[in-house]
Amino acid sequence: VEEICDEIIVLNKGKILYCGETNALAMLAKNRV
């Protein structure tokens, strides 16, 4: 995903949990790792 995709959709129980840029998904864990 990191190498190929510019955007990511995360599905959970058939619904969209996240929809946005690949880098923005990583930023959800900023200052937490």
PDB file of all heavy atoms in Angstrom:
ATOM      1  N   VAL A   1       0.834  -1.203   0.000  1.00  0.00           N
ATOM      2  CA  VAL A   1       0.000   0.000   0.000  1.00  0.00           C
ATOM      3  C   VAL A   1       0.866   1.250   0.000  1.00  0.00           C
ATOM      4  O   VAL A   1       0.621   2.201  -0.750  1.00  0.00           O
ATOM      5  CB  VAL A   1      -0.948   0.002   1.217  1.00  0.00           C
ATOM      6  CG1 VAL A   1      -1.698   1.328   1.316  1.00  0.00           C
ATOM      7  CG2 VAL A   1      -1.940  -1.150   1.111  1.00  0.00           C
ATOM      8  N   GLU A   2       1.900   1.261   0.837  1.00  0.00           N
ATOM      9  CA  GLU A   2       2.777   2.433   0.914  1.00  0.00           C
ATOM     10  C   GLU A   2       3.495   2.694  -0.401  1.00  0.00           C
ATOM     11  O   GLU A   2       3.720   3.844  -0.783  1.00  0.00           O
ATOM     12  CB  GLU A   2       3.791   2.253   2.042  1.00  0.00           C
ATOM     13  CG  GLU A   2       3.194   2.399   3.433  1.00  0.00           C
ATOM     14  CD  GLU A   2       4.250   2.514   4.505  1.00  0.00           C
ATOM     15  OE1 GLU A   2       4.697   1.460   4.998  1.00  0.00           O
ATOM     16  OE2 GLU A   2       4.625   3.643   4.859  1.00  0.00           O
ATOM     17  N   GLU A   3       3.869   1.626  -1.107  1.00  0.00           N
ATOM     18  CA  GLU A   3       4.624   1.769  -2.343  1.00  0.00           C
ATOM     19  C   GLU A   3       3.739   2.105  -3.537  1.00  0.00           C
ATOM     20  O   GLU A   3       4.176   2.798  -4.462  1.00  0.00           O
ATOM     21  CB  GLU A   3       5.398   0.472  -2.638  1.00  0.00           C
ATOM     22  CG  GLU A   3       6.564   0.207  -1.703  1.00  0.00           C
ATOM     23  CD  GLU A   3       7.651   1.251  -1.841  1.00  0.00           C
ATOM     24  OE1 GLU A   3       7.850   1.769  -2.966  1.00  0.00           O
ATOM     25  OE2 GLU A   3       8.305   1.569  -0.830  1.00  0.00           O
ATOM     26  N   ILE A   4       2.509   1.626  -3.531  1.00  0.00           N
ATOM     27  CA  ILE A   4       1.658   1.717  -4.712  1.00  0.00           C
ATOM     28  C   ILE A   4       0.623   2.825  -4.609  1.00  0.00           C
ATOM     29  O   ILE A   4       0.394   3.574  -5.563  1.00  0.00           O
ATOM     30  CB  ILE A   4       0.926   0.375  -4.946  1.00  0.00           C
ATOM     31  CG1 ILE A   4       1.920  -0.742  -5.221  1.00  0.00           C
ATOM     32  CG2 ILE A   4      -0.068   0.500  -6.098  1.00  0.00           C
ATOM     33  CD1 ILE A   4       1.286  -2.111  -5.216  1.00  0.00           C
ATOM     34  N   CYS A   5      -0.026   2.940  -3.447  1.00  0.00           N
ATOM     35  CA  CYS A   5      -1.276   3.692  -3.342  1.00  0.00           C
ATOM     36  C   CYS A   5      -1.070   5.118  -2.843  1.00  0.00           C
ATOM     37  O   CYS A   5      -0.256   5.376  -1.958  1.00  0.00           O
ATOM     38  CB  CYS A   5      -2.243   2.958  -2.415  1.00  0.00           C
ATOM     39  SG  CYS A   5      -2.607   1.268  -2.969  1.00  0.00           S
ATOM     40  N   ASP A   6      -1.842   6.015  -3.419  1.00  0.00           N
ATOM     41  CA  ASP A   6      -1.843   7.415  -3.001  1.00  0.00           C
ATOM     42  C   ASP A   6      -2.928   7.679  -1.968  1.00  0.00           C
ATOM     43  O   ASP A   6      -2.838   8.633  -1.205  1.00  0.00           O
ATOM     44  CB  ASP A   6      -2.074   8.329  -4.205  1.00  0.00           C
ATOM     45  CG  ASP A   6      -1.069   8.071  -5.312  1.00  0.00           C
ATOM     46  OD1 ASP A   6       0.118   8.338  -5.095  1.00  0.00           O
ATOM     47  OD2 ASP A   6      -1.465   7.565  -6.375  1.00  0.00           O
ATOM     48  N   GLU A   7      -3.959   6.841  -1.978  1.00  0.00           N
ATOM     49  CA  GLU A   7      -5.065   6.982  -1.040  1.00  0.00           C
ATOM     50  C   GLU A   7      -5.406   5.623  -0.443  1.00  0.00           C
ATOM     51  O   GLU A   7      -5.100   4.582  -1.018  1.00  0.00           O
ATOM     52  CB  GLU A   7      -6.313   7.560  -1.719  1.00  0.00           C
ATOM     53  CG  GLU A   7      -6.159   8.958  -2.262  1.00  0.00           C
ATOM     54  CD  GLU A   7      -5.709   8.978  -3.709  1.00  0.00           C
ATOM     55  OE1 GLU A   7      -5.900   7.986  -4.417  1.00  0.00           O
ATOM     56  OE2 GLU A   7      -5.126  10.005  -4.118  1.00  0.00           O
ATOM     57  N   ILE A   8      -6.086   5.656   0.692  1.00  0.00           N
ATOM     58  CA  ILE A   8      -6.452   4.426   1.397  1.00  0.00           C
ATOM     59  C   ILE A   8      -7.902   4.515   1.847  1.00  0.00           C
ATOM     60  O   ILE A   8      -8.370   5.574   2.280  1.00  0.00           O
ATOM     61  CB  ILE A   8      -5.545   4.193   2.628  1.00  0.00           C
ATOM     62  CG1 ILE A   8      -4.129   3.832   2.183  1.00  0.00           C
ATOM     63  CG2 ILE A   8      -6.101   3.091   3.527  1.00  0.00           C
ATOM     64  CD1 ILE A   8      -3.154   3.675   3.332  1.00  0.00           C
ATOM     65  N   ILE A   9      -8.592   3.393   1.719  1.00  0.00           N
ATOM     66  CA  ILE A   9      -9.921   3.236   2.301  1.00  0.00           C
ATOM     67  C   ILE A   9      -9.836   2.082   3.302  1.00  0.00           C
ATOM     68  O   ILE A   9      -9.409   0.986   2.942  1.00  0.00           O
ATOM     69  CB  ILE A   9     -10.989   2.933   1.243  1.00  0.00           C
ATOM     70  CG1 ILE A   9     -11.157   4.124   0.301  1.00  0.00           C
ATOM     71  CG2 ILE A   9     -12.325   2.579   1.899  1.00  0.00           C
ATOM     72  CD1 ILE A   9     -12.067   3.841  -0.887  1.00  0.00           C
ATOM     73  N   VAL A  10     -10.203   2.345   4.544  1.00  0.00           N
ATOM     74  CA  VAL A  10     -10.253   1.294   5.557  1.00  0.00           C
ATOM     75  C   VAL A  10     -11.713   0.936   5.786  1.00  0.00           C
ATOM     76  O   VAL A  10     -12.530   1.804   6.121  1.00  0.00           O
ATOM     77  CB  VAL A  10      -9.610   1.741   6.885  1.00  0.00           C
ATOM     78  CG1 VAL A  10      -9.700   0.622   7.921  1.00  0.00           C
ATOM     79  CG2 VAL A  10      -8.145   2.125   6.663  1.00  0.00           C
ATOM     80  N   LEU A  11     -12.034  -0.335   5.591  1.00  0.00           N
ATOM     81  CA  LEU A  11     -13.395  -0.820   5.790  1.00  0.00           C
ATOM     82  C   LEU A  11     -13.495  -1.557   7.120  1.00  0.00           C
ATOM     83  O   LEU A  11     -12.577  -2.274   7.523  1.00  0.00           O
ATOM     84  CB  LEU A  11     -13.811  -1.760   4.659  1.00  0.00           C
ATOM     85  CG  LEU A  11     -13.933  -1.153   3.260  1.00  0.00           C
ATOM     86  CD1 LEU A  11     -14.298  -2.220   2.242  1.00  0.00           C
ATOM     87  CD2 LEU A  11     -14.968  -0.041   3.240  1.00  0.00           C
ATOM     88  N   ASN A  12     -14.617  -1.391   7.779  1.00  0.00           N
ATOM     89  CA  ASN A  12     -14.898  -2.095   9.026  1.00  0.00           C
ATOM     90  C   ASN A  12     -16.376  -2.445   9.057  1.00  0.00           C
ATOM     91  O   ASN A  12     -17.230  -1.562   8.988  1.00  0.00           O
ATOM     92  CB  ASN A  12     -14.525  -1.233  10.233  1.00  0.00           C
ATOM     93  CG  ASN A  12     -14.843  -1.922  11.546  1.00  0.00           C
ATOM     94  OD1 ASN A  12     -14.488  -3.082  11.731  1.00  0.00           O
ATOM     95  ND2 ASN A  12     -15.526  -1.232  12.437  1.00  0.00           N
ATOM     96  N   LYS A  13     -16.667  -3.730   9.100  1.00  0.00           N
ATOM     97  CA  LYS A  13     -18.052  -4.209   9.121  1.00  0.00           C
ATOM     98  C   LYS A  13     -18.857  -3.645   7.950  1.00  0.00           C
ATOM     99  O   LYS A  13     -20.027  -3.275   8.084  1.00  0.00           O
ATOM    100  CB  LYS A  13     -18.723  -3.850  10.441  1.00  0.00           C
ATOM    101  CG  LYS A  13     -18.064  -4.481  11.658  1.00  0.00           C
ATOM    102  CD  LYS A  13     -18.757  -4.072  12.946  1.00  0.00           C
ATOM    103  CE  LYS A  13     -18.062  -4.685  14.148  1.00  0.00           C
ATOM    104  NZ  LYS A  13     -18.691  -4.277  15.431  1.00  0.00           N
ATOM    105  N   GLY A  14     -18.216  -3.576   6.783  1.00  0.00           N
ATOM    106  CA  GLY A  14     -18.907  -3.145   5.577  1.00  0.00           C
ATOM    107  C   GLY A  14     -19.053  -1.654   5.402  1.00  0.00           C
ATOM    108  O   GLY A  14     -19.637  -1.205   4.414  1.00  0.00           O
ATOM    109  N   LYS A  15     -18.534  -0.859   6.337  1.00  0.00           N
ATOM    110  CA  LYS A  15     -18.636   0.596   6.250  1.00  0.00           C
ATOM    111  C   LYS A  15     -17.246   1.211   6.199  1.00  0.00           C
ATOM    112  O   LYS A  15     -16.264   0.603   6.599  1.00  0.00           O
ATOM    113  CB  LYS A  15     -19.422   1.151   7.444  1.00  0.00           C
ATOM    114  CG  LYS A  15     -20.876   0.688   7.488  1.00  0.00           C
ATOM    115  CD  LYS A  15     -21.610   1.324   8.650  1.00  0.00           C
ATOM    116  CE  LYS A  15     -23.073   0.886   8.683  1.00  0.00           C
ATOM    117  NZ  LYS A  15     -23.821   1.494   9.817  1.00  0.00           N
ATOM    118  N   ILE A  16     -17.197   2.442   5.692  1.00  0.00           N
ATOM    119  CA  ILE A  16     -15.917   3.138   5.579  1.00  0.00           C
ATOM    120  C   ILE A  16     -15.533   3.719   6.940  1.00  0.00           C
ATOM    121  O   ILE A  16     -16.239   4.558   7.489  1.00  0.00           O
ATOM    122  CB  ILE A  16     -15.984   4.249   4.520  1.00  0.00           C
ATOM    123  CG1 ILE A  16     -16.217   3.634   3.127  1.00  0.00           C
ATOM    124  CG2 ILE A  16     -14.700   5.072   4.527  1.00  0.00           C
ATOM    125  CD1 ILE A  16     -16.364   4.664   2.026  1.00  0.00           C
ATOM    126  N   LEU A  17     -14.401   3.262   7.468  1.00  0.00           N
ATOM    127  CA  LEU A  17     -13.880   3.774   8.728  1.00  0.00           C
ATOM    128  C   LEU A  17     -12.904   4.920   8.489  1.00  0.00           C
ATOM    129  O   LEU A  17     -12.776   5.823   9.303  1.00  0.00           O
ATOM    130  CB  LEU A  17     -13.191   2.643   9.494  1.00  0.00           C
ATOM    131  CG  LEU A  17     -12.702   2.922  10.913  1.00  0.00           C
ATOM    132  CD1 LEU A  17     -13.861   3.329  11.810  1.00  0.00           C
ATOM    133  CD2 LEU A  17     -12.004   1.699  11.479  1.00  0.00           C
ATOM    134  N   TYR A  18     -12.201   4.863   7.369  1.00  0.00           N
ATOM    135  CA  TYR A  18     -11.259   5.923   7.007  1.00  0.00           C
ATOM    136  C   TYR A  18     -11.199   6.022   5.502  1.00  0.00           C
ATOM    137  O   TYR A  18     -11.224   5.013   4.795  1.00  0.00           O
ATOM    138  CB  TYR A  18      -9.857   5.612   7.561  1.00  0.00           C
ATOM    139  CG  TYR A  18      -8.784   6.572   7.075  1.00  0.00           C
ATOM    140  CD1 TYR A  18      -8.490   7.734   7.773  1.00  0.00           C
ATOM    141  CD2 TYR A  18      -8.073   6.309   5.904  1.00  0.00           C
ATOM    142  CE1 TYR A  18      -7.513   8.613   7.330  1.00  0.00           C
ATOM    143  CE2 TYR A  18      -7.096   7.183   5.447  1.00  0.00           C
ATOM    144  CZ  TYR A  18      -6.822   8.329   6.164  1.00  0.00           C
ATOM    145  OH  TYR A  18      -5.870   9.196   5.710  1.00  0.00           O
ATOM    146  N   CYS A  19     -11.095   7.240   4.997  1.00  0.00           N
ATOM    147  CA  CYS A  19     -10.950   7.469   3.567  1.00  0.00           C
ATOM    148  C   CYS A  19     -10.104   8.722   3.392  1.00  0.00           C
ATOM    149  O   CYS A  19     -10.525   9.824   3.756  1.00  0.00           O
ATOM    150  CB  CYS A  19     -12.314   7.647   2.901  1.00  0.00           C
ATOM    151  SG  CYS A  19     -12.241   7.960   1.132  1.00  0.00           S
ATOM    152  N   GLY A  20      -8.891   8.566   2.885  1.00  0.00           N
ATOM    153  CA  GLY A  20      -8.023   9.720   2.747  1.00  0.00           C
ATOM    154  C   GLY A  20      -6.657   9.347   2.214  1.00  0.00           C
ATOM    155  O   GLY A  20      -6.427   8.211   1.786  1.00  0.00           O
ATOM    156  N   GLU A  21      -5.747  10.307   2.245  1.00  0.00           N
ATOM    157  CA  GLU A  21      -4.410  10.082   1.708  1.00  0.00           C
ATOM    158  C   GLU A  21      -3.632   9.095   2.566  1.00  0.00           C
ATOM    159  O   GLU A  21      -3.829   8.992   3.774  1.00  0.00           O
ATOM    160  CB  GLU A  21      -3.658  11.411   1.618  1.00  0.00           C
ATOM    161  CG  GLU A  21      -4.265  12.391   0.626  1.00  0.00           C
ATOM    162  CD  GLU A  21      -3.473  13.681   0.537  1.00  0.00           C
ATOM    163  OE1 GLU A  21      -2.469  13.807   1.277  1.00  0.00           O
ATOM    164  OE2 GLU A  21      -3.853  14.556  -0.265  1.00  0.00           O
ATOM    165  N   THR A  22      -2.706   8.388   1.902  1.00  0.00           N
ATOM    166  CA  THR A  22      -1.900   7.387   2.593  1.00  0.00           C
ATOM    167  C   THR A  22      -1.102   8.013   3.729  1.00  0.00           C
ATOM    168  O   THR A  22      -1.064   7.479   4.847  1.00  0.00           O
ATOM    169  CB  THR A  22      -0.950   6.700   1.589  1.00  0.00           C
ATOM    170  OG1 THR A  22      -1.731   6.101   0.541  1.00  0.00           O
ATOM    171  CG2 THR A  22      -0.117   5.632   2.267  1.00  0.00           C
ATOM    172  N   ASN A  23      -0.464   9.147   3.473  1.00  0.00           N
ATOM    173  CA  ASN A  23       0.337   9.797   4.505  1.00  0.00           C
ATOM    174  C   ASN A  23      -0.503  10.274   5.679  1.00  0.00           C
ATOM    175  O   ASN A  23      -0.039  10.281   6.822  1.00  0.00           O
ATOM    176  CB  ASN A  23       1.113  10.975   3.911  1.00  0.00           C
ATOM    177  CG  ASN A  23       2.169  10.538   2.919  1.00  0.00           C
ATOM    178  OD1 ASN A  23       2.653   9.414   2.980  1.00  0.00           O
ATOM    179  ND2 ASN A  23       2.537  11.422   2.007  1.00  0.00           N
ATOM    180  N   ALA A  24      -1.751  10.649   5.398  1.00  0.00           N
ATOM    181  CA  ALA A  24      -2.627  11.130   6.472  1.00  0.00           C
ATOM    182  C   ALA A  24      -2.983  10.004   7.438  1.00  0.00           C
ATOM    183  O   ALA A  24      -3.179  10.248   8.632  1.00  0.00           O
ATOM    184  CB  ALA A  24      -3.891  11.749   5.884  1.00  0.00           C
ATOM    185  N   LEU A  25      -3.069   8.778   6.938  1.00  0.00           N
ATOM    186  CA  LEU A  25      -3.340   7.641   7.815  1.00  0.00           C
ATOM    187  C   LEU A  25      -2.186   7.445   8.801  1.00  0.00           C
ATOM    188  O   LEU A  25      -2.398   7.199   9.988  1.00  0.00           O
ATOM    189  CB  LEU A  25      -3.565   6.372   6.995  1.00  0.00           C
ATOM    190  CG  LEU A  25      -3.837   5.090   7.793  1.00  0.00           C
ATOM    191  CD1 LEU A  25      -5.070   5.248   8.679  1.00  0.00           C
ATOM    192  CD2 LEU A  25      -4.021   3.907   6.849  1.00  0.00           C
ATOM    193  N   ALA A  26      -0.963   7.567   8.302  1.00  0.00           N
ATOM    194  CA  ALA A  26       0.201   7.442   9.184  1.00  0.00           C
ATOM    195  C   ALA A  26       0.187   8.524  10.263  1.00  0.00           C
ATOM    196  O   ALA A  26       0.583   8.278  11.415  1.00  0.00           O
ATOM    197  CB  ALA A  26       1.487   7.524   8.368  1.00  0.00           C
ATOM    198  N   MET A  27      -0.296   9.727   9.926  1.00  0.00           N
ATOM    199  CA  MET A  27      -0.280  10.838  10.873  1.00  0.00           C
ATOM    200  C   MET A  27      -1.217  10.620  12.059  1.00  0.00           C
ATOM    201  O   MET A  27      -1.084  11.298  13.082  1.00  0.00           O
ATOM    202  CB  MET A  27      -0.649  12.139  10.155  1.00  0.00           C
ATOM    203  CG  MET A  27       0.410  12.615   9.155  1.00  0.00           C
ATOM    204  SD  MET A  27       2.009  12.901   9.950  1.00  0.00           S
ATOM    205  CE  MET A  27       1.608  14.350  10.928  1.00  0.00           C
ATOM    206  N   LEU A  28      -2.166   9.680  11.936  1.00  0.00           N
ATOM    207  CA  LEU A  28      -3.044   9.392  13.069  1.00  0.00           C
ATOM    208  C   LEU A  28      -2.252   8.882  14.271  1.00  0.00           C
ATOM    209  O   LEU A  28      -2.684   9.021  15.416  1.00  0.00           O
ATOM    210  CB  LEU A  28      -4.102   8.350  12.676  1.00  0.00           C
ATOM    211  CG  LEU A  28      -5.146   8.768  11.649  1.00  0.00           C
ATOM    212  CD1 LEU A  28      -6.093   7.620  11.368  1.00  0.00           C
ATOM    213  CD2 LEU A  28      -5.936   9.981  12.133  1.00  0.00           C
ATOM    214  N   ALA A  29      -1.091   8.271  14.001  1.00  0.00           N
ATOM    215  CA  ALA A  29      -0.261   7.726  15.085  1.00  0.00           C
ATOM    216  C   ALA A  29       0.921   8.629  15.425  1.00  0.00           C
ATOM    217  O   ALA A  29       1.845   8.196  16.120  1.00  0.00           O
ATOM    218  CB  ALA A  29       0.233   6.331  14.699  1.00  0.00           C
ATOM    219  N   LYS A  30       0.906   9.867  14.961  1.00  0.00           N
ATOM    220  CA  LYS A  30       2.003  10.788  15.241  1.00  0.00           C
ATOM    221  C   LYS A  30       2.172  10.993  16.745  1.00  0.00           C
ATOM    222  O   LYS A  30       1.188  11.150  17.479  1.00  0.00           O
ATOM    223  CB  LYS A  30       1.732  12.135  14.561  1.00  0.00           C
ATOM    224  CG  LYS A  30       2.863  13.139  14.713  1.00  0.00           C
ATOM    225  CD  LYS A  30       2.525  14.449  14.000  1.00  0.00           C
ATOM    226  CE  LYS A  30       3.656  15.455  14.169  1.00  0.00           C
ATOM    227  NZ  LYS A  30       3.336  16.748  13.502  1.00  0.00           N
ATOM    228  N   ASN A  31       3.421  10.977  17.205  1.00  0.00           N
ATOM    229  CA  ASN A  31       3.779  11.152  18.627  1.00  0.00           C
ATOM    230  C   ASN A  31       3.256  10.021  19.514  1.00  0.00           C
ATOM    231  O   ASN A  31       3.158  10.179  20.736  1.00  0.00           O
ATOM    232  CB  ASN A  31       3.252  12.494  19.169  1.00  0.00           C
ATOM    233  CG  ASN A  31       3.764  13.688  18.386  1.00  0.00           C
ATOM    234  OD1 ASN A  31       3.002  14.552  17.996  1.00  0.00           O
ATOM    235  ND2 ASN A  31       5.058  13.732  18.143  1.00  0.00           N
ATOM    236  N   ARG A  32       2.947   8.888  18.907  1.00  0.00           N
ATOM    237  CA  ARG A  32       2.449   7.747  19.676  1.00  0.00           C
ATOM    238  C   ARG A  32       3.332   6.499  19.548  1.00  0.00           C
ATOM    239  O   ARG A  32       3.055   5.495  20.195  1.00  0.00           O
ATOM    240  CB  ARG A  32       1.021   7.383  19.229  1.00  0.00           C
ATOM    241  CG  ARG A  32      -0.015   8.454  19.517  1.00  0.00           C
ATOM    242  CD  ARG A  32      -1.393   8.045  19.022  1.00  0.00           C
ATOM    243  NE  ARG A  32      -2.399   9.047  19.346  1.00  0.00           N
ATOM    244  CZ  ARG A  32      -3.049   9.124  20.499  1.00  0.00           C
ATOM    245  NH1 ARG A  32      -2.793   8.243  21.454  1.00  0.00           N
ATOM    246  NH2 ARG A  32      -3.958  10.058  20.719  1.00  0.00           N
ATOM    247  N   VAL A  33       4.358   6.565  18.721  1.00  0.00           N
ATOM    248  CA  VAL A  33       5.166   5.383  18.433  1.00  0.00           C
ATOM    249  C   VAL A  33       6.553   5.539  19.046  1.00  0.00           C
ATOM    250  O   VAL A  33       7.238   6.539  18.807  1.00  0.00           O
ATOM    251  CB  VAL A  33       5.281   5.154  16.915  1.00  0.00           C
ATOM    252  CG1 VAL A  33       6.046   3.870  16.619  1.00  0.00           C
ATOM    253  CG2 VAL A  33       3.891   5.104  16.273  1.00  0.00           C
TER     254      VAL A  33
END
